Protein backbone atom coordinates (compact mmCIF):
# COMPACT_ATOMS: atom_id res chain seq x y z
CA MET A 1 110.52 78.99 80.38
CA GLU A 2 109.98 82.65 79.60
CA ASN A 3 109.54 84.83 82.66
CA LYS A 4 105.77 85.48 82.68
CA ARG A 5 102.98 84.63 85.06
CA ILE A 6 100.66 81.99 83.73
CA ALA A 7 97.04 82.60 84.69
CA TYR A 8 95.05 79.61 85.90
CA SER A 9 91.32 78.96 85.70
CA ILE A 10 88.62 76.28 85.87
CA LEU A 11 86.26 74.77 83.30
CA GLU A 12 83.21 73.34 85.05
CA LEU A 13 80.93 70.74 83.42
CA ALA A 14 78.97 69.99 86.59
CA ILE A 15 79.68 66.28 86.22
CA ILE A 16 77.16 64.29 88.24
CA SER A 17 78.77 61.70 90.54
CA LYS A 18 77.06 58.38 91.24
CA GLY A 19 74.61 58.69 94.11
CA GLU A 20 74.48 62.53 93.87
CA SER A 21 71.45 64.68 92.76
CA VAL A 22 71.61 67.35 90.08
CA GLN A 23 70.81 69.92 92.76
CA GLN A 24 73.78 68.80 94.88
CA THR A 25 76.01 68.82 91.81
CA LEU A 26 75.10 72.44 91.01
CA HIS A 27 75.68 73.44 94.62
CA ASN A 28 79.10 71.76 94.37
CA ALA A 29 79.89 73.85 91.33
CA LEU A 30 79.34 76.90 93.45
CA ALA A 31 81.52 75.40 96.19
CA VAL A 32 84.27 75.01 93.61
CA ALA A 33 83.87 78.62 92.42
CA LYS A 34 84.10 79.99 96.01
CA GLU A 35 87.26 77.95 96.73
CA ALA A 36 88.75 79.06 93.39
CA GLU A 37 88.05 82.68 94.25
CA LYS A 38 90.03 82.26 97.50
CA LEU A 39 92.89 80.67 95.57
CA ASN A 40 93.19 83.42 93.00
CA TYR A 41 91.92 81.40 90.04
CA LYS A 42 91.29 83.92 87.35
CA ARG A 43 87.93 82.65 86.09
CA ILE A 44 85.50 79.80 86.20
CA TRP A 45 83.73 78.89 82.92
CA PHE A 46 80.68 76.76 82.43
CA ALA A 47 80.32 74.43 79.44
CA GLU A 48 77.16 73.81 77.45
CA HIS A 49 76.13 70.13 76.99
CA HIS A 50 72.80 68.50 76.18
CA ASN A 51 71.22 65.03 76.38
CA SER A 52 73.90 63.70 78.71
CA GLU A 53 72.72 62.11 81.90
CA ASN A 54 76.03 62.81 83.76
CA ILE A 55 76.45 66.48 82.92
CA GLY A 56 74.53 69.20 84.67
CA SER A 57 75.99 72.14 82.82
CA ASN A 58 73.14 72.58 80.30
CA ALA A 59 71.81 76.10 80.80
CA THR A 60 75.09 77.92 80.76
CA SER A 61 73.94 81.58 81.35
CA LEU A 62 71.76 80.46 84.29
CA LEU A 63 74.69 78.75 86.00
CA MET A 64 76.82 81.77 85.36
CA GLY A 65 74.26 83.95 87.14
CA TYR A 66 73.95 81.62 90.09
CA VAL A 67 77.72 81.51 90.63
CA ALA A 68 78.30 85.25 89.94
CA GLU A 69 75.57 86.13 92.48
CA ASN A 70 77.27 84.09 95.17
CA THR A 71 80.88 85.07 94.63
CA GLN A 72 82.64 88.46 94.70
CA SER A 73 85.56 88.76 92.35
CA ILE A 74 86.28 85.75 90.22
CA ARG A 75 85.41 86.12 86.54
CA VAL A 76 82.49 83.90 85.43
CA GLY A 77 81.98 82.86 81.84
CA SER A 78 80.82 80.41 79.29
CA GLY A 79 83.25 77.74 78.10
CA GLY A 80 81.38 77.94 76.01
CA ILE A 81 77.98 78.95 74.75
CA MET A 82 77.56 76.82 71.57
CA LEU A 83 76.46 79.63 69.32
CA PRO A 84 74.73 77.60 66.54
CA ASN A 85 72.26 76.45 69.24
CA HIS A 86 71.22 80.08 69.94
CA SER A 87 70.03 83.34 68.51
CA PRO A 88 72.93 85.92 68.69
CA LEU A 89 70.41 88.53 69.84
CA ILE A 90 69.27 86.43 72.77
CA VAL A 91 72.88 85.57 73.68
CA ALA A 92 73.66 89.34 73.68
CA GLU A 93 70.64 90.09 75.84
CA GLN A 94 71.51 87.35 78.36
CA LEU A 95 75.18 88.20 78.64
CA ALA A 96 74.53 91.95 78.81
CA THR A 97 72.11 91.32 81.65
CA LEU A 98 74.71 89.44 83.50
CA ALA A 99 77.30 92.09 82.85
CA HIS A 100 75.04 94.82 84.28
CA LEU A 101 74.48 92.73 87.39
CA TYR A 102 78.08 91.69 87.84
CA PRO A 103 80.23 94.37 86.22
CA ASN A 104 83.67 93.56 84.87
CA ARG A 105 83.33 89.88 85.69
CA ILE A 106 81.52 88.25 82.73
CA ASP A 107 83.20 86.40 79.87
CA LEU A 108 81.60 85.21 76.69
CA GLY A 109 83.30 82.04 75.28
CA LEU A 110 81.77 80.93 72.01
CA GLY A 111 82.01 77.51 70.33
CA ARG A 112 80.69 76.11 67.06
CA ALA A 113 80.01 72.44 68.09
CA PRO A 114 76.48 71.44 69.22
CA GLY A 115 77.64 70.07 72.56
CA THR A 116 75.52 67.00 71.88
CA ASP A 117 74.60 64.42 69.26
CA GLN A 118 73.22 65.47 65.95
CA GLU A 119 69.65 64.36 66.61
CA THR A 120 69.56 66.49 69.75
CA ALA A 121 71.15 69.36 67.91
CA ARG A 122 68.27 69.30 65.45
CA ALA A 123 65.81 69.22 68.34
CA ILE A 124 67.48 72.40 69.77
CA ARG A 125 67.46 74.14 66.50
CA SER A 126 66.09 72.72 63.20
CA ASP A 127 68.48 74.83 61.16
CA PHE A 128 71.55 73.90 63.25
CA MET A 129 73.82 72.97 60.33
CA GLU A 130 73.02 76.25 58.58
CA ALA A 131 73.84 78.17 61.76
CA ALA A 132 77.03 76.23 62.24
CA HIS A 133 78.22 77.21 58.71
CA SER A 134 77.27 80.87 59.49
CA PHE A 135 79.36 80.82 62.71
CA PRO A 136 81.73 83.64 61.72
CA GLY A 137 78.82 85.90 60.78
CA GLU A 138 76.90 84.99 63.91
CA ILE A 139 79.96 86.09 66.05
CA GLU A 140 79.89 89.47 64.18
CA LYS A 141 76.26 89.89 65.02
CA ILE A 142 76.97 89.53 68.68
CA GLN A 143 79.87 92.01 68.36
CA GLN A 144 77.59 94.41 66.55
CA TYR A 145 74.91 94.22 69.33
CA PHE A 146 77.62 95.16 71.86
CA SER A 147 78.96 98.05 69.80
CA MET A 148 77.91 101.66 70.29
CA GLU A 149 77.51 101.97 66.53
CA ASN A 150 74.51 99.76 66.70
CA GLN A 151 72.45 102.54 68.33
CA SER A 152 71.26 103.58 64.83
CA ALA A 153 70.36 100.10 63.65
CA LYS A 154 66.75 98.82 63.33
CA VAL A 155 67.58 95.65 65.37
CA ARG A 156 69.24 96.51 68.68
CA VAL A 157 70.10 95.16 72.16
CA PRO A 158 70.19 98.53 73.87
CA ILE A 159 71.35 97.12 77.25
CA ALA A 160 74.41 95.60 75.48
CA GLU A 161 75.65 98.71 73.64
CA GLY A 162 79.01 99.85 74.92
CA LEU A 163 79.32 97.10 77.49
CA ASP A 164 82.75 95.45 78.00
CA VAL A 165 81.99 91.67 77.73
CA PRO A 166 85.16 89.97 76.37
CA ILE A 167 84.59 87.41 73.58
CA TYR A 168 86.77 84.32 73.51
CA LEU A 169 86.74 81.80 70.69
CA LEU A 170 86.79 78.17 71.63
CA GLY A 171 88.04 75.38 69.40
CA SER A 172 89.51 71.91 68.98
CA SER A 173 90.72 72.12 65.38
CA THR A 174 92.79 74.35 63.10
CA ASP A 175 89.62 75.89 61.68
CA SER A 176 89.02 77.66 64.92
CA ALA A 177 92.60 78.92 65.00
CA HIS A 178 92.28 80.64 61.59
CA LEU A 179 88.99 82.15 62.73
CA ALA A 180 90.19 83.42 66.11
CA ALA A 181 93.31 84.94 64.46
CA SER A 182 91.39 86.68 61.67
CA LYS A 183 88.95 88.25 64.21
CA GLY A 184 91.61 89.20 66.71
CA LEU A 185 89.95 87.30 69.52
CA PRO A 186 91.56 85.44 72.49
CA TYR A 187 91.69 81.65 71.69
CA ALA A 188 90.92 78.75 74.06
CA PHE A 189 91.85 75.29 72.84
CA ALA A 190 90.07 72.16 74.14
CA SER A 191 93.19 70.11 74.71
CA HIS A 192 91.59 68.51 77.78
CA PHE A 193 89.92 66.04 75.29
CA ALA A 194 91.10 67.02 71.81
CA SER A 195 94.91 67.03 71.85
CA THR A 196 95.69 66.18 68.22
CA HIS A 197 95.80 69.70 66.71
CA LEU A 198 96.91 71.69 69.76
CA PHE A 199 100.41 72.69 68.59
CA ASN A 200 99.42 73.28 64.98
CA ALA A 201 96.41 75.43 66.03
CA LEU A 202 98.52 77.52 68.45
CA ARG A 203 101.05 78.15 65.65
CA ILE A 204 98.36 79.12 63.09
CA TYR A 205 96.73 81.45 65.55
CA ARG A 206 99.95 83.22 66.49
CA ASP A 207 101.22 83.46 62.91
CA GLU A 208 97.89 84.78 61.45
CA PHE A 209 96.78 86.96 64.40
CA GLN A 210 95.34 90.34 63.42
CA PRO A 211 95.13 92.85 66.26
CA SER A 212 91.56 94.05 67.03
CA ASP A 213 90.01 96.85 69.05
CA THR A 214 89.70 94.46 71.96
CA THR A 215 92.79 92.27 71.75
CA ALA A 216 96.17 93.80 70.76
CA ALA A 217 98.29 90.61 70.85
CA PRO A 218 97.57 86.84 70.69
CA TYR A 219 96.13 85.39 73.93
CA THR A 220 96.03 81.62 74.30
CA MET A 221 94.31 79.29 76.77
CA ALA A 222 94.63 75.53 76.90
CA GLY A 223 92.33 73.08 78.62
CA VAL A 224 94.08 70.38 80.69
CA ASN A 225 92.84 67.60 82.97
CA VAL A 226 94.27 68.14 86.47
CA ILE A 227 94.14 65.91 89.54
CA VAL A 228 96.59 66.67 92.34
CA ALA A 229 96.73 64.80 95.69
CA ASP A 230 99.20 64.27 98.47
CA THR A 231 100.87 61.36 96.64
CA ASP A 232 101.10 60.14 93.07
CA GLU A 233 99.37 56.94 94.10
CA GLU A 234 96.33 58.83 95.57
CA ALA A 235 96.09 61.11 92.45
CA GLU A 236 96.14 58.02 90.20
CA ARG A 237 93.40 56.40 92.25
CA LEU A 238 91.21 59.54 91.82
CA PHE A 239 92.02 59.59 88.14
CA THR A 240 90.28 56.21 87.63
CA SER A 241 86.91 57.99 87.76
CA THR A 242 88.00 60.11 84.83
CA ILE A 243 89.39 57.08 82.93
CA ARG A 244 86.08 55.21 83.31
CA MET A 245 84.14 58.34 82.25
CA PHE A 246 86.14 58.58 78.97
CA ILE A 247 85.84 54.82 78.31
CA GLY A 248 82.06 55.34 78.61
CA LEU A 249 82.29 58.27 76.29
CA LEU A 250 84.08 56.19 73.64
CA SER A 251 81.94 53.11 74.12
CA GLY A 252 78.59 54.99 74.14
CA SER A 253 77.68 53.86 77.66
CA ARG A 254 77.64 57.24 79.46
CA GLY A 255 76.62 57.35 83.09
CA ALA A 256 77.31 59.02 86.35
CA LEU A 257 80.89 59.55 87.49
CA GLN A 258 82.00 56.38 89.26
CA PRO A 259 83.80 56.23 92.67
CA PRO A 260 87.55 55.85 92.33
CA THR A 261 89.26 52.40 92.60
CA GLU A 262 92.84 51.25 92.40
CA LEU A 263 94.52 51.80 89.04
CA THR A 264 94.22 48.13 87.90
CA ALA A 265 96.17 46.56 85.12
CA ASP A 266 93.03 46.61 83.00
CA LEU A 267 92.68 50.42 83.38
CA GLN A 268 96.46 50.93 82.73
CA GLN A 269 95.96 48.88 79.51
CA ALA A 270 92.92 50.83 78.52
CA LEU A 271 94.97 54.08 78.89
CA GLN A 272 97.27 52.78 76.17
CA HIS A 273 94.40 52.47 73.65
CA PRO A 274 95.15 55.01 70.91
CA ALA A 275 91.85 56.84 71.15
CA LEU A 276 91.82 57.05 74.99
CA HIS A 277 95.54 57.91 75.11
CA GLN A 278 95.01 60.75 72.66
CA MET A 279 91.97 62.17 74.47
CA LEU A 280 93.72 62.13 77.87
CA LYS A 281 97.18 63.07 76.62
CA PHE A 282 97.23 66.41 78.46
CA SER A 283 96.34 65.05 81.92
CA PHE A 284 98.47 66.17 84.83
CA VAL A 285 98.01 63.67 87.58
CA GLY A 286 100.09 63.25 90.71
CA SER A 287 101.57 65.03 93.72
CA VAL A 288 102.44 68.76 93.74
CA GLU A 289 105.98 67.89 92.76
CA THR A 290 104.95 65.60 89.88
CA VAL A 291 102.31 67.96 88.49
CA ARG A 292 104.67 70.93 88.79
CA THR A 293 107.12 69.15 86.45
CA GLN A 294 104.29 68.19 84.01
CA VAL A 295 102.87 71.64 83.90
CA ARG A 296 106.22 73.35 83.53
CA GLU A 297 107.01 71.14 80.45
CA PHE A 298 103.61 71.79 78.97
CA VAL A 299 103.84 75.54 79.39
CA GLU A 300 107.37 75.66 77.88
CA GLU A 301 106.20 73.69 74.93
CA THR A 302 103.00 75.53 74.24
CA ARG A 303 103.81 79.06 75.53
CA VAL A 304 100.16 79.46 76.50
CA ASP A 305 99.09 82.51 78.53
CA GLU A 306 96.58 80.59 80.67
CA LEU A 307 95.68 77.09 81.77
CA ILE A 308 92.06 76.19 82.31
CA ALA A 309 91.76 73.09 84.43
CA VAL A 310 89.17 70.36 84.22
CA SER A 311 89.03 68.14 87.33
CA ASN A 312 86.58 65.25 87.08
CA VAL A 313 87.00 63.94 90.63
CA TYR A 314 84.27 61.88 92.32
CA GLY A 315 84.15 63.51 95.81
CA LEU A 316 83.79 67.20 96.44
CA GLU A 317 86.39 67.37 99.19
CA ASP A 318 88.94 65.54 97.05
CA ARG A 319 88.14 67.89 94.17
CA LEU A 320 88.50 71.05 96.27
CA LYS A 321 91.82 69.69 97.62
CA SER A 322 92.96 69.07 94.07
CA PHE A 323 92.24 72.66 93.08
CA ARG A 324 94.01 73.92 96.24
CA LEU A 325 97.13 71.91 95.41
CA PHE A 326 97.00 72.94 91.72
CA ALA A 327 96.85 76.59 92.82
CA GLU A 328 100.00 75.92 94.81
CA VAL A 329 101.68 74.48 91.70
CA MET A 330 100.72 77.54 89.60
CA ARG A 331 101.92 79.99 92.29
CA GLU A 332 105.31 78.30 92.46
CA LEU A 333 105.85 78.15 88.65
């Protein structure tokens, strides 16, 4: 493996565990952020999802403000704001406000997907499909609002002009790789659930990258599922909650995150189903030693600059412990 330090971060969906309130789930997200800050995680990002009873990360910028207000140094961002759901001007206003309140700590990750089903997407914004097709131009509008050159424009976001709010492009296909490369933006790939195009997308992005005013060289992030415990057996037991969550996702029966159980023969068989196997392909589950080996192989193969960990663990204490042990893995790499 090339001798470079790999940054490590967290992607937070505020998954609601069975028997837990939304309020407690959001408080738990802050607890994760505070622990991550102590452990030198680089950033915590909040996803945007809608019409899902087990996900509390709906109002991304509000969650960012809540966590930034109650932490000191960790970067806080969107992973991502689904831009076709929003007006670029409003996004610029909201993120600029956060950047003034929490200087040099706010990231803007942008995605093209709705973060929900098509019917809900239309309820969010009736012209969603048109906005999705206009995604490259919508990104340019946000960049324009943050530029000093926009001071002479008729439509302005004065509080955004000249602010340093890094923009990251999120994606799960090769389309996003071409776009991130052409715009010279850092690129975060959603390999924690969309593994199929990871290597091809990274290759396209690096081959086609055009340096920009903000990003001189390609910068890549990869989402991975991470569950670390004292033993492989305990980590596999905790992983059963994630397995059941993804089975529900595929079968259309979404619900709260279930308590862990033993890794039964039925669950092991389910993991071999092509769709589930593909979605959970980049899941690092086990003891520190096991996960260290898995992560080292992944980083050698992908040459990514940063890992962003998703940890859908039922109990908060087990989840915090998993993040502590993962930080240990990353420090030792």
